Amino acid sequence: MKKHLDEVSDFVSKNQLSFSDGLLKLCNYEIDYKAETASKSMIKAAAFPFVKTIEDYDFGFQPSLNKQDILELTTLRFMENAENIVFLGISGVGKTHLATSIGIASASKRYSTYFIKCNHLLQRLKKS
């Protein structure tokens, strides 16, 4: 809040707004800051191997992918429908990037998310 106090004060004065309007604007800055901080914490806790979003993905590199289908996955409707996603393919085709970008979309919306590769998951299951 302190970071935006002068800015909001000037804005309120210049636009002849009420104290309540200024306080609301200041509170909205705080809400946005808290949401951003929570989102970053969720992304960090998810243990992604790197942070790349779907905007970073080069769909020209993998023309066999339907871009619209992949973008649909980032809406997270599959979670609402209790569906799963599995990416299969040879090494180097972008499976990890796609999974990470969908996971980041999920963590950004504050869904509990954890990244693990299939072979590590299977190893953990064998041990238990």
C-alpha atoms as a PDB file:
ATOM      1  CA  MET A   1       0.000   0.000   0.000  1.00  0.00           C
ATOM      2  CA  LYS A   2       2.789   2.367   0.903  1.00  0.00           C
ATOM      3  CA  LYS A   3       4.214   1.974  -2.592  1.00  0.00           C
ATOM      4  CA  HIS A   4       1.053   3.423  -4.176  1.00  0.00           C
ATOM      5  CA  LEU A   5       0.029   5.909  -1.495  1.00  0.00           C
ATOM      6  CA  ASP A   6       1.518   8.998  -3.162  1.00  0.00           C
ATOM      7  CA  GLU A   7       0.215   7.960  -6.569  1.00  0.00           C
ATOM      8  CA  VAL A   8      -3.323   7.432  -5.253  1.00  0.00           C
ATOM      9  CA  SER A   9      -3.199  10.644  -3.239  1.00  0.00           C
ATOM     10  CA  ASP A  10      -2.225  12.619  -6.348  1.00  0.00           C
ATOM     11  CA  PHE A  11      -4.888  10.857  -8.417  1.00  0.00           C
ATOM     12  CA  VAL A  12      -7.596  11.631  -5.850  1.00  0.00           C
ATOM     13  CA  SER A  13      -6.536  15.280  -5.649  1.00  0.00           C
ATOM     14  CA  LYS A  14      -6.316  15.801  -9.415  1.00  0.00           C
ATOM     15  CA  ASN A  15      -9.667  14.154 -10.070  1.00  0.00           C
ATOM     16  CA  GLN A  16     -11.391  15.609  -6.995  1.00  0.00           C
ATOM     17  CA  LEU A  17     -12.420  12.195  -5.744  1.00  0.00           C
ATOM     18  CA  SER A  18     -13.652  11.356  -2.271  1.00  0.00           C
ATOM     19  CA  PHE A  19     -11.546   9.795   0.447  1.00  0.00           C
ATOM     20  CA  SER A  20     -13.577   6.594  -0.014  1.00  0.00           C
ATOM     21  CA  ASP A  21     -12.733   6.464  -3.719  1.00  0.00           C
ATOM     22  CA  GLY A  22      -9.056   6.869  -2.923  1.00  0.00           C
ATOM     23  CA  LEU A  23      -9.206   4.211  -0.237  1.00  0.00           C
ATOM     24  CA  LEU A  24     -10.955   1.845  -2.631  1.00  0.00           C
ATOM     25  CA  LYS A  25      -8.269   2.407  -5.272  1.00  0.00           C
ATOM     26  CA  LEU A  26      -5.552   1.796  -2.695  1.00  0.00           C
ATOM     27  CA  CYS A  27      -7.260  -1.378  -1.479  1.00  0.00           C
ATOM     28  CA  ASN A  28      -7.545  -2.642  -5.054  1.00  0.00           C
ATOM     29  CA  TYR A  29      -3.784  -2.228  -5.447  1.00  0.00           C
ATOM     30  CA  GLU A  30      -3.328  -4.301  -2.290  1.00  0.00           C
ATOM     31  CA  ILE A  31      -5.719  -7.008  -3.478  1.00  0.00           C
ATOM     32  CA  ASP A  32      -3.893  -7.235  -6.816  1.00  0.00           C
ATOM     33  CA  TYR A  33      -0.534  -7.424  -5.031  1.00  0.00           C
ATOM     34  CA  LYS A  34      -1.723 -10.200  -2.703  1.00  0.00           C
ATOM     35  CA  ALA A  35      -3.180 -12.180  -5.625  1.00  0.00           C
ATOM     36  CA  GLU A  36       0.064 -11.842  -7.584  1.00  0.00           C
ATOM     37  CA  THR A  37       2.136 -12.900  -4.581  1.00  0.00           C
ATOM     38  CA  ALA A  38      -0.109 -15.909  -3.934  1.00  0.00           C
ATOM     39  CA  SER A  39       0.097 -16.888  -7.593  1.00  0.00           C
ATOM     40  CA  LYS A  40       3.903 -16.706  -7.573  1.00  0.00           C
ATOM     41  CA  SER A  41       3.997 -18.804  -4.396  1.00  0.00           C
ATOM     42  CA  MET A  42       1.756 -21.457  -5.949  1.00  0.00           C
ATOM     43  CA  ILE A  43       3.956 -21.584  -9.046  1.00  0.00           C
ATOM     44  CA  LYS A  44       7.083 -21.947  -6.926  1.00  0.00           C
ATOM     45  CA  ALA A  45       5.536 -24.691  -4.770  1.00  0.00           C
ATOM     46  CA  ALA A  46       4.517 -26.651  -7.883  1.00  0.00           C
ATOM     47  CA  ALA A  47       8.190 -27.498  -8.581  1.00  0.00           C
ATOM     48  CA  PHE A  48       8.101 -26.855 -12.315  1.00  0.00           C
ATOM     49  CA  PRO A  49      11.395 -27.584 -14.103  1.00  0.00           C
ATOM     50  CA  PHE A  50      11.187 -24.097 -15.657  1.00  0.00           C
ATOM     51  CA  VAL A  51       8.656 -21.296 -15.968  1.00  0.00           C
ATOM     52  CA  LYS A  52       7.254 -21.072 -19.477  1.00  0.00           C
ATOM     53  CA  THR A  53       3.734 -20.159 -20.434  1.00  0.00           C
ATOM     54  CA  ILE A  54       1.705 -21.185 -23.449  1.00  0.00           C
ATOM     55  CA  GLU A  55       2.618 -17.845 -25.048  1.00  0.00           C
ATOM     56  CA  ASP A  56       6.242 -19.044 -25.059  1.00  0.00           C
ATOM     57  CA  TYR A  57       5.404 -22.213 -27.005  1.00  0.00           C
ATOM     58  CA  ASP A  58       6.332 -22.277 -30.695  1.00  0.00           C
ATOM     59  CA  PHE A  59       3.397 -23.958 -32.408  1.00  0.00           C
ATOM     60  CA  GLY A  60       5.267 -23.739 -35.715  1.00  0.00           C
ATOM     61  CA  PHE A  61       7.815 -26.162 -34.264  1.00  0.00           C
ATOM     62  CA  GLN A  62       5.113 -28.810 -33.850  1.00  0.00           C
ATOM     63  CA  PRO A  63       2.616 -28.265 -36.702  1.00  0.00           C
ATOM     64  CA  SER A  64       0.808 -31.539 -35.983  1.00  0.00           C
ATOM     65  CA  LEU A  65      -0.619 -29.995 -32.790  1.00  0.00           C
ATOM     66  CA  ASN A  66      -3.986 -28.310 -32.935  1.00  0.00           C
ATOM     67  CA  LYS A  67      -3.224 -24.925 -31.383  1.00  0.00           C
ATOM     68  CA  GLN A  68      -6.856 -24.276 -30.494  1.00  0.00           C
ATOM     69  CA  ASP A  69      -7.093 -27.594 -28.609  1.00  0.00           C
ATOM     70  CA  ILE A  70      -3.981 -26.755 -26.581  1.00  0.00           C
ATOM     71  CA  LEU A  71      -5.205 -23.225 -25.836  1.00  0.00           C
ATOM     72  CA  GLU A  72      -8.479 -24.755 -24.665  1.00  0.00           C
ATOM     73  CA  LEU A  73      -6.529 -26.778 -22.090  1.00  0.00           C
ATOM     74  CA  THR A  74      -5.164 -23.563 -20.565  1.00  0.00           C
ATOM     75  CA  THR A  75      -8.736 -22.524 -19.716  1.00  0.00           C
ATOM     76  CA  LEU A  76      -8.671 -25.438 -17.235  1.00  0.00           C
ATOM     77  CA  ARG A  77     -12.167 -26.637 -18.181  1.00  0.00           C
ATOM     78  CA  PHE A  78     -10.800 -30.176 -18.158  1.00  0.00           C
ATOM     79  CA  MET A  79     -10.398 -29.790 -14.396  1.00  0.00           C
ATOM     80  CA  GLU A  80     -14.015 -28.722 -13.975  1.00  0.00           C
ATOM     81  CA  ASN A  81     -15.007 -31.820 -15.959  1.00  0.00           C
ATOM     82  CA  ALA A  82     -12.711 -34.056 -13.853  1.00  0.00           C
ATOM     83  CA  GLU A  83     -10.740 -35.073 -16.952  1.00  0.00           C
ATOM     84  CA  ASN A  84      -7.058 -35.916 -17.262  1.00  0.00           C
ATOM     85  CA  ILE A  85      -4.439 -34.894 -19.805  1.00  0.00           C
ATOM     86  CA  VAL A  86      -1.647 -37.141 -21.030  1.00  0.00           C
ATOM     87  CA  PHE A  87       1.036 -35.998 -23.460  1.00  0.00           C
ATOM     88  CA  LEU A  88       2.732 -38.811 -25.358  1.00  0.00           C
ATOM     89  CA  GLY A  89       5.540 -38.462 -27.854  1.00  0.00           C
ATOM     90  CA  ILE A  90       9.213 -38.865 -28.511  1.00  0.00           C
ATOM     91  CA  SER A  91      11.816 -36.817 -26.721  1.00  0.00           C
ATOM     92  CA  GLY A  92      12.108 -33.163 -27.681  1.00  0.00           C
ATOM     93  CA  VAL A  93       8.630 -32.498 -29.047  1.00  0.00           C
ATOM     94  CA  GLY A  94       7.518 -30.094 -26.295  1.00  0.00           C
ATOM     95  CA  LYS A  95       5.540 -32.292 -23.896  1.00  0.00           C
ATOM     96  CA  THR A  96       7.190 -30.813 -20.802  1.00  0.00           C
ATOM     97  CA  HIS A  97       6.729 -27.270 -22.050  1.00  0.00           C
ATOM     98  CA  LEU A  98       3.026 -27.853 -22.688  1.00  0.00           C
ATOM     99  CA  ALA A  99       2.474 -29.602 -19.359  1.00  0.00           C
ATOM    100  CA  THR A 100       4.351 -26.851 -17.544  1.00  0.00           C
ATOM    101  CA  SER A 101       2.413 -24.070 -19.247  1.00  0.00           C
ATOM    102  CA  ILE A 102      -0.912 -25.694 -18.360  1.00  0.00           C
ATOM    103  CA  GLY A 103       0.332 -26.264 -14.808  1.00  0.00           C
ATOM    104  CA  ILE A 104       1.386 -22.626 -14.529  1.00  0.00           C
ATOM    105  CA  ALA A 105      -2.064 -21.563 -15.720  1.00  0.00           C
ATOM    106  CA  SER A 106      -3.518 -23.777 -12.997  1.00  0.00           C
ATOM    107  CA  ALA A 107      -1.187 -22.545 -10.246  1.00  0.00           C
ATOM    108  CA  SER A 108      -1.759 -18.942 -11.326  1.00  0.00           C
ATOM    109  CA  LYS A 109      -5.445 -19.454 -10.621  1.00  0.00           C
ATOM    110  CA  ARG A 110      -4.426 -20.811  -7.211  1.00  0.00           C
ATOM    111  CA  TYR A 111      -5.211 -24.460  -7.860  1.00  0.00           C
ATOM    112  CA  SER A 112      -2.937 -26.765  -5.916  1.00  0.00           C
ATOM    113  CA  THR A 113      -0.484 -27.978  -8.545  1.00  0.00           C
ATOM    114  CA  TYR A 114       2.563 -30.239  -8.461  1.00  0.00           C
ATOM    115  CA  PHE A 115       4.792 -31.115 -11.402  1.00  0.00           C
ATOM    116  CA  ILE A 116       6.241 -34.602 -11.586  1.00  0.00           C
ATOM    117  CA  LYS A 117       7.461 -36.630 -14.540  1.00  0.00           C
ATOM    118  CA  CYS A 118       5.850 -40.000 -15.115  1.00  0.00           C
ATOM    119  CA  ASN A 119       8.996 -42.058 -14.460  1.00  0.00           C
ATOM    120  CA  HIS A 120       9.538 -40.311 -11.103  1.00  0.00           C
ATOM    121  CA  LEU A 121       5.919 -40.907 -10.164  1.00  0.00           C
ATOM    122  CA  LEU A 122       6.225 -44.602 -11.008  1.00  0.00           C
ATOM    123  CA  GLN A 123       9.435 -44.877  -8.961  1.00  0.00           C
ATOM    124  CA  ARG A 124       7.645 -43.330  -5.975  1.00  0.00           C
ATOM    125  CA  LEU A 125       4.753 -45.730  -6.367  1.00  0.00           C
ATOM    126  CA  LYS A 126       7.124 -48.727  -6.417  1.00  0.00           C
ATOM    127  CA  LYS A 127       8.705 -47.606  -3.146  1.00  0.00           C
ATOM    128  CA  SER A 128       5.422 -47.290  -1.309  1.00  0.00           C
END
